[in-house]
C-alpha atoms as a PDB file:
ATOM      1  CA  MET A   1     -20.651  -1.793  11.285  1.00  0.00           C
ATOM      2  CA  ILE A   2     -17.168  -3.302  11.036  1.00  0.00           C
ATOM      3  CA  LEU A   3     -15.153  -3.368   7.817  1.00  0.00           C
ATOM      4  CA  GLN A   4     -13.590  -6.824   7.499  1.00  0.00           C
ATOM      5  CA  ILE A   5     -10.560  -6.804   5.241  1.00  0.00           C
ATOM      6  CA  GLU A   6      -7.992  -9.408   4.283  1.00  0.00           C
ATOM      7  CA  GLU A   7      -4.438  -8.600   5.368  1.00  0.00           C
ATOM      8  CA  LYS A   8      -3.145  -9.054   1.799  1.00  0.00           C
ATOM      9  CA  ILE A   9      -5.381  -6.166   0.674  1.00  0.00           C
ATOM     10  CA  LEU A  10      -3.841  -3.823   3.252  1.00  0.00           C
ATOM     11  CA  THR A  11      -0.381  -4.806   2.029  1.00  0.00           C
ATOM     12  CA  ALA A  12      -1.447  -4.174  -1.574  1.00  0.00           C
ATOM     13  CA  LEU A  13      -2.894  -0.728  -0.754  1.00  0.00           C
ATOM     14  CA  LEU A  14       0.339   0.350   0.940  1.00  0.00           C
ATOM     15  CA  ALA A  15       2.314  -0.865  -2.092  1.00  0.00           C
ATOM     16  CA  HIS A  16      -0.024   1.010  -4.459  1.00  0.00           C
ATOM     17  CA  GLY A  17       0.449   4.177  -2.424  1.00  0.00           C
ATOM     18  CA  ARG A  18       4.226   3.876  -2.446  1.00  0.00           C
ATOM     19  CA  ARG A  19       4.261   3.379  -6.236  1.00  0.00           C
ATOM     20  CA  GLU A  20       2.251   6.571  -6.712  1.00  0.00           C
ATOM     21  CA  GLU A  21       4.271   8.769  -4.325  1.00  0.00           C
ATOM     22  CA  PRO A  22       4.415  11.706  -4.050  1.00  0.00           C
ATOM     23  CA  ASN A  23       0.835  11.735  -5.382  1.00  0.00           C
ATOM     24  CA  GLU A  24      -2.242  10.232  -3.770  1.00  0.00           C
ATOM     25  CA  ALA A  25      -3.293   6.804  -5.006  1.00  0.00           C
ATOM     26  CA  CYS A  26      -6.971   5.840  -5.173  1.00  0.00           C
ATOM     27  CA  GLY A  27      -9.334   2.997  -5.958  1.00  0.00           C
ATOM     28  CA  TYR A  28     -12.190   0.767  -4.836  1.00  0.00           C
ATOM     29  CA  LEU A  29     -12.391  -2.064  -2.336  1.00  0.00           C
ATOM     30  CA  ALA A  30     -14.793  -4.907  -3.081  1.00  0.00           C
ATOM     31  CA  ALA A  31     -16.268  -7.548  -0.802  1.00  0.00           C
ATOM     32  CA  LYS A  32     -17.758 -10.997  -1.076  1.00  0.00           C
ATOM     33  CA  ASP A  33     -19.749 -12.357   1.850  1.00  0.00           C
ATOM     34  CA  GLY A  34     -18.914  -9.234   3.855  1.00  0.00           C
ATOM     35  CA  VAL A  35     -15.124  -9.560   3.562  1.00  0.00           C
ATOM     36  CA  VAL A  36     -12.973  -7.203   1.476  1.00  0.00           C
ATOM     37  CA  GLY A  37     -10.730  -9.460  -0.561  1.00  0.00           C
ATOM     38  CA  HIS A  38     -10.433  -7.482  -3.804  1.00  0.00           C
ATOM     39  CA  TYR A  39      -9.208  -4.053  -4.750  1.00  0.00           C
ATOM     40  CA  PHE A  40      -9.258  -2.031  -7.946  1.00  0.00           C
ATOM     41  CA  GLU A  41      -6.453   0.460  -8.492  1.00  0.00           C
ATOM     42  CA  LEU A  42      -7.698   3.535 -10.334  1.00  0.00           C
ATOM     43  CA  THR A  43      -5.815   6.448 -11.854  1.00  0.00           C
ATOM     44  CA  ASN A  44      -5.722   9.699  -9.901  1.00  0.00           C
ATOM     45  CA  ILE A  45      -6.268  11.973 -12.887  1.00  0.00           C
ATOM     46  CA  ASP A  46      -5.297  14.987 -10.741  1.00  0.00           C
ATOM     47  CA  ALA A  47      -1.816  13.463 -10.203  1.00  0.00           C
ATOM     48  CA  ALA A  48      -1.573  15.508  -7.004  1.00  0.00           C
ATOM     49  CA  PRO A  49      -0.150  14.876  -3.518  1.00  0.00           C
ATOM     50  CA  GLU A  50      -3.093  16.438  -1.651  1.00  0.00           C
ATOM     51  CA  HIS A  51      -6.195  15.338  -3.531  1.00  0.00           C
ATOM     52  CA  TYR A  52      -7.495  12.829  -6.025  1.00  0.00           C
ATOM     53  CA  THR A  53     -10.088  12.412  -8.736  1.00  0.00           C
ATOM     54  CA  MET A  54     -10.787   8.906  -9.974  1.00  0.00           C
ATOM     55  CA  ASP A  55     -10.745   8.304 -13.713  1.00  0.00           C
ATOM     56  CA  PRO A  56     -14.482   8.006 -14.589  1.00  0.00           C
ATOM     57  CA  ALA A  57     -13.986   5.367 -17.299  1.00  0.00           C
ATOM     58  CA  GLU A  58     -11.986   3.235 -14.861  1.00  0.00           C
ATOM     59  CA  GLN A  59     -14.682   3.691 -12.208  1.00  0.00           C
ATOM     60  CA  PHE A  60     -17.373   2.344 -14.546  1.00  0.00           C
ATOM     61  CA  ALA A  61     -15.138  -0.559 -15.611  1.00  0.00           C
ATOM     62  CA  ALA A  62     -14.395  -1.471 -11.972  1.00  0.00           C
ATOM     63  CA  ILE A  63     -18.088  -1.406 -10.997  1.00  0.00           C
ATOM     64  CA  ARG A  64     -18.963  -3.516 -14.053  1.00  0.00           C
ATOM     65  CA  ARG A  65     -16.280  -6.054 -13.134  1.00  0.00           C
ATOM     66  CA  MET A  66     -17.501  -6.203  -9.527  1.00  0.00           C
ATOM     67  CA  ARG A  67     -21.015  -6.998 -10.751  1.00  0.00           C
ATOM     68  CA  GLU A  68     -19.718  -9.651 -13.167  1.00  0.00           C
ATOM     69  CA  GLU A  69     -17.727 -11.303 -10.360  1.00  0.00           C
ATOM     70  CA  GLY A  70     -20.525 -11.154  -7.769  1.00  0.00           C
ATOM     71  CA  LEU A  71     -18.699  -8.602  -5.596  1.00  0.00           C
ATOM     72  CA  GLN A  72     -20.084  -5.621  -3.700  1.00  0.00           C
ATOM     73  CA  ALA A  73     -18.447  -2.201  -3.669  1.00  0.00           C
ATOM     74  CA  ALA A  74     -17.356  -1.925  -0.027  1.00  0.00           C
ATOM     75  CA  ALA A  75     -15.270   1.252   0.088  1.00  0.00           C
ATOM     76  CA  VAL A  76     -13.365   3.945  -1.735  1.00  0.00           C
ATOM     77  CA  TYR A  77      -9.715   4.196  -0.746  1.00  0.00           C
ATOM     78  CA  HIS A  78      -7.024   6.787  -1.181  1.00  0.00           C
ATOM     79  CA  THR A  79      -3.616   7.459   0.288  1.00  0.00           C
ATOM     80  CA  HIS A  80      -2.177  10.329   2.268  1.00  0.00           C
ATOM     81  CA  PRO A  81       1.526  10.414   1.351  1.00  0.00           C
ATOM     82  CA  GLU A  82       2.532  12.832   4.122  1.00  0.00           C
ATOM     83  CA  THR A  83      -0.361  13.061   6.579  1.00  0.00           C
ATOM     84  CA  PRO A  84      -2.117  10.661   8.986  1.00  0.00           C
ATOM     85  CA  ALA A  85      -4.985   8.366   7.978  1.00  0.00           C
ATOM     86  CA  ARG A  86      -7.795  10.776   8.795  1.00  0.00           C
ATOM     87  CA  PRO A  87     -10.079  12.760   6.485  1.00  0.00           C
ATOM     88  CA  SER A  88      -8.731  16.126   5.405  1.00  0.00           C
ATOM     89  CA  VAL A  89     -11.003  19.156   5.087  1.00  0.00           C
ATOM     90  CA  GLU A  90     -11.104  18.479   1.343  1.00  0.00           C
ATOM     91  CA  ASP A  91     -11.901  14.775   1.867  1.00  0.00           C
ATOM     92  CA  ILE A  92     -14.883  15.782   3.992  1.00  0.00           C
ATOM     93  CA  ARG A  93     -16.025  18.421   1.507  1.00  0.00           C
ATOM     94  CA  LEU A  94     -15.861  15.986  -1.416  1.00  0.00           C
ATOM     95  CA  ALA A  95     -17.488  12.981   0.321  1.00  0.00           C
ATOM     96  CA  HIS A  96     -20.881  12.969  -1.370  1.00  0.00           C
ATOM     97  CA  ASP A  97     -22.080   9.457  -0.489  1.00  0.00           C
ATOM     98  CA  PRO A  98     -23.065   9.058   3.193  1.00  0.00           C
ATOM     99  CA  VAL A  99     -23.440   5.275   2.737  1.00  0.00           C
ATOM    100  CA  MET A 100     -19.927   4.753   1.354  1.00  0.00           C
ATOM    101  CA  VAL A 101     -17.000   3.801   3.574  1.00  0.00           C
ATOM    102  CA  TYR A 102     -13.880   5.873   2.929  1.00  0.00           C
ATOM    103  CA  VAL A 103     -10.594   4.101   3.650  1.00  0.00           C
ATOM    104  CA  ILE A 104      -7.515   6.280   4.070  1.00  0.00           C
ATOM    105  CA  VAL A 105      -4.031   4.807   3.882  1.00  0.00           C
ATOM    106  CA  SER A 106      -1.217   6.869   5.401  1.00  0.00           C
ATOM    107  CA  LEU A 107       2.330   6.408   4.133  1.00  0.00           C
ATOM    108  CA  MET A 108       3.786   8.291   7.140  1.00  0.00           C
ATOM    109  CA  ALA A 109       6.038   6.376   9.492  1.00  0.00           C
ATOM    110  CA  GLY A 110       4.886   5.932  13.072  1.00  0.00           C
ATOM    111  CA  VAL A 111       1.139   6.368  12.556  1.00  0.00           C
ATOM    112  CA  ASP A 112      -1.773   3.942  12.229  1.00  0.00           C
ATOM    113  CA  PRO A 113      -1.476   3.261   8.482  1.00  0.00           C
ATOM    114  CA  ILE A 114      -5.068   2.407   7.595  1.00  0.00           C
ATOM    115  CA  ARG A 115      -8.351   3.715   8.966  1.00  0.00           C
ATOM    116  CA  ALA A 116     -11.917   3.749   7.675  1.00  0.00           C
ATOM    117  CA  PHE A 117     -14.638   6.373   7.993  1.00  0.00           C
ATOM    118  CA  LYS A 118     -18.208   7.213   7.089  1.00  0.00           C
ATOM    119  CA  ILE A 119     -18.679  10.849   6.184  1.00  0.00           C
ATOM    120  CA  ASN A 120     -22.104  12.499   6.155  1.00  0.00           C
ATOM    121  CA  ARG A 121     -21.796  16.210   5.436  1.00  0.00           C
ATOM    122  CA  ASP A 122     -19.476  17.448   8.205  1.00  0.00           C
ATOM    123  CA  GLU A 123     -20.008  14.423  10.479  1.00  0.00           C
ATOM    124  CA  VAL A 124     -17.101  11.963  10.406  1.00  0.00           C
ATOM    125  CA  THR A 125     -17.466   8.585  12.108  1.00  0.00           C
ATOM    126  CA  GLN A 126     -14.631   6.081  12.326  1.00  0.00           C
ATOM    127  CA  VAL A 127     -15.506   2.574  11.125  1.00  0.00           C
ATOM    128  CA  PRO A 128     -13.705  -0.232  12.982  1.00  0.00           C
ATOM    129  CA  LEU A 129     -11.461  -2.452  10.854  1.00  0.00           C
ATOM    130  CA  ARG A 130     -11.055  -6.173  11.411  1.00  0.00           C
ATOM    131  CA  VAL A 131      -7.973  -7.457   9.605  1.00  0.00           C
ATOM    132  CA  LEU A 132      -8.213 -11.109   8.633  1.00  0.00           C
ATOM    133  CA  ALA A 133      -5.037 -13.134   8.241  1.00  0.00           C
ATOM    134  CA  ALA A 134      -4.452 -15.028   5.018  1.00  0.00           C
ATOM    135  CA  ARG A 135      -6.459 -18.215   4.748  1.00  0.00           C
END
């Protein structure tokens, strides 16, 4: 599996993360025809720099909108304001959906800013990203 994502989405996720600093930002990525071209910013109701909880009402609204627009939920994303783009111990513990792709966006300088993973219990597998230039 490869997660195909439009470059403009990566730019938008970094901007979302910077707006929410020092706290983690979070949301959903949505795809059409296998390409992530939409994102849904959600509120981190924990307002914390080391973990997030998505606002449940916003989650339901985002999923409803995806269905209405013919999109598929492709991934959950969140930012790491001060650590690399890799799952933390807490990220692994709280990843309850082995089918979901988890995208982590690091705001640290000098590291790979965006990486994707599948997490099944304690098994973490990196998912390759293919960034597509603007069309």
